[in-house]
């Protein structure tokens, strides 16, 4: 769901194994970063996803990471 943030809706607690969030809209908060994130339940699933992530090489730049962290600091407001 792109309208609820991970603060308001936590699908892992409701039984989901993998959750994909659009970080562009509400996590960034300033409409200046293009990002997404994957959250998984379980060590093996996380390791499998990390291996695919490493092979694909798709990572945020340090500046985009900073922009995302900046937006997440005020997420609970």
Protein backbone atom coordinates (compact mmCIF):
# COMPACT_ATOMS: atom_id res chain seq x y z
CA UNK A 1 0.00 0.00 0.00
CA UNK A 2 1.58 3.27 -1.05
CA UNK A 3 -0.75 5.47 1.00
CA UNK A 4 0.07 4.10 4.45
CA UNK A 5 3.60 4.43 5.71
CA UNK A 6 5.42 1.60 7.50
CA UNK A 7 4.66 3.52 10.66
CA UNK A 8 0.88 3.07 10.20
CA UNK A 9 0.71 -0.29 8.43
CA UNK A 10 3.08 -3.13 9.28
CA UNK A 11 2.30 -6.12 7.03
CA UNK A 12 5.05 -8.31 8.53
CA UNK A 13 3.12 -8.28 11.80
CA UNK A 14 0.00 -9.33 9.87
CA UNK A 15 1.69 -12.39 8.34
CA UNK A 16 3.37 -11.13 5.15
CA UNK A 17 6.78 -12.60 4.33
CA UNK A 18 7.97 -9.78 2.03
CA UNK A 19 6.91 -6.13 1.95
CA UNK A 20 7.85 -3.64 -0.76
CA UNK A 21 7.58 0.05 0.13
CA UNK A 22 7.66 3.05 -2.15
CA UNK A 23 10.06 5.35 -0.34
CA UNK A 24 9.54 8.13 -2.87
CA UNK A 25 6.22 9.42 -1.56
CA UNK A 26 5.99 9.42 2.20
CA UNK A 27 9.30 8.11 3.49
CA UNK A 28 11.29 10.74 1.60
CA UNK A 29 8.77 13.42 2.50
CA UNK A 30 10.12 16.16 0.25
CA UNK A 31 9.50 14.79 -3.26
CA UNK A 32 13.22 14.93 -4.04
CA UNK A 33 14.30 11.28 -3.96
CA UNK A 34 13.36 8.22 -6.01
CA UNK A 35 13.66 5.11 -3.86
CA UNK A 36 12.05 1.91 -2.70
CA UNK A 37 12.78 -0.75 -0.16
CA UNK A 38 12.14 -4.41 0.50
CA UNK A 39 11.62 -5.81 4.00
CA UNK A 40 11.54 -9.55 4.62
CA UNK A 41 10.81 -11.91 7.48
CA UNK A 42 13.29 -14.68 8.24
CA UNK A 43 17.05 -14.96 7.96
CA UNK A 44 17.12 -17.22 4.87
CA UNK A 45 14.71 -15.06 2.91
CA UNK A 46 16.71 -11.94 3.78
CA UNK A 47 19.94 -13.63 2.68
CA UNK A 48 18.37 -14.70 -0.64
CA UNK A 49 17.12 -11.18 -1.29
CA UNK A 50 20.51 -9.72 -0.34
CA UNK A 51 22.24 -12.04 -2.81
CA UNK A 52 19.91 -10.91 -5.62
CA UNK A 53 20.37 -7.29 -4.58
CA UNK A 54 24.15 -7.65 -4.66
CA UNK A 55 24.05 -9.34 -8.07
CA UNK A 56 21.79 -6.66 -9.57
CA UNK A 57 23.81 -3.81 -8.12
CA UNK A 58 20.84 -1.50 -7.64
CA UNK A 59 21.66 0.70 -4.65
CA UNK A 60 20.94 4.28 -3.64
CA UNK A 61 23.66 6.84 -3.88
CA UNK A 62 24.97 8.22 -0.59
CA UNK A 63 23.16 11.51 -1.24
CA UNK A 64 19.83 9.80 -1.99
CA UNK A 65 20.29 7.74 1.17
CA UNK A 66 20.80 10.94 3.15
CA UNK A 67 17.66 12.47 1.60
CA UNK A 68 15.66 9.39 2.60
CA UNK A 69 16.99 9.38 6.17
CA UNK A 70 16.22 13.10 6.43
CA UNK A 71 12.59 12.46 5.49
CA UNK A 72 12.24 9.47 7.82
CA UNK A 73 13.31 11.53 10.83
CA UNK A 74 9.96 13.35 10.75
CA UNK A 75 7.81 10.38 9.70
CA UNK A 76 6.16 10.02 13.10
CA UNK A 77 4.94 13.63 13.03
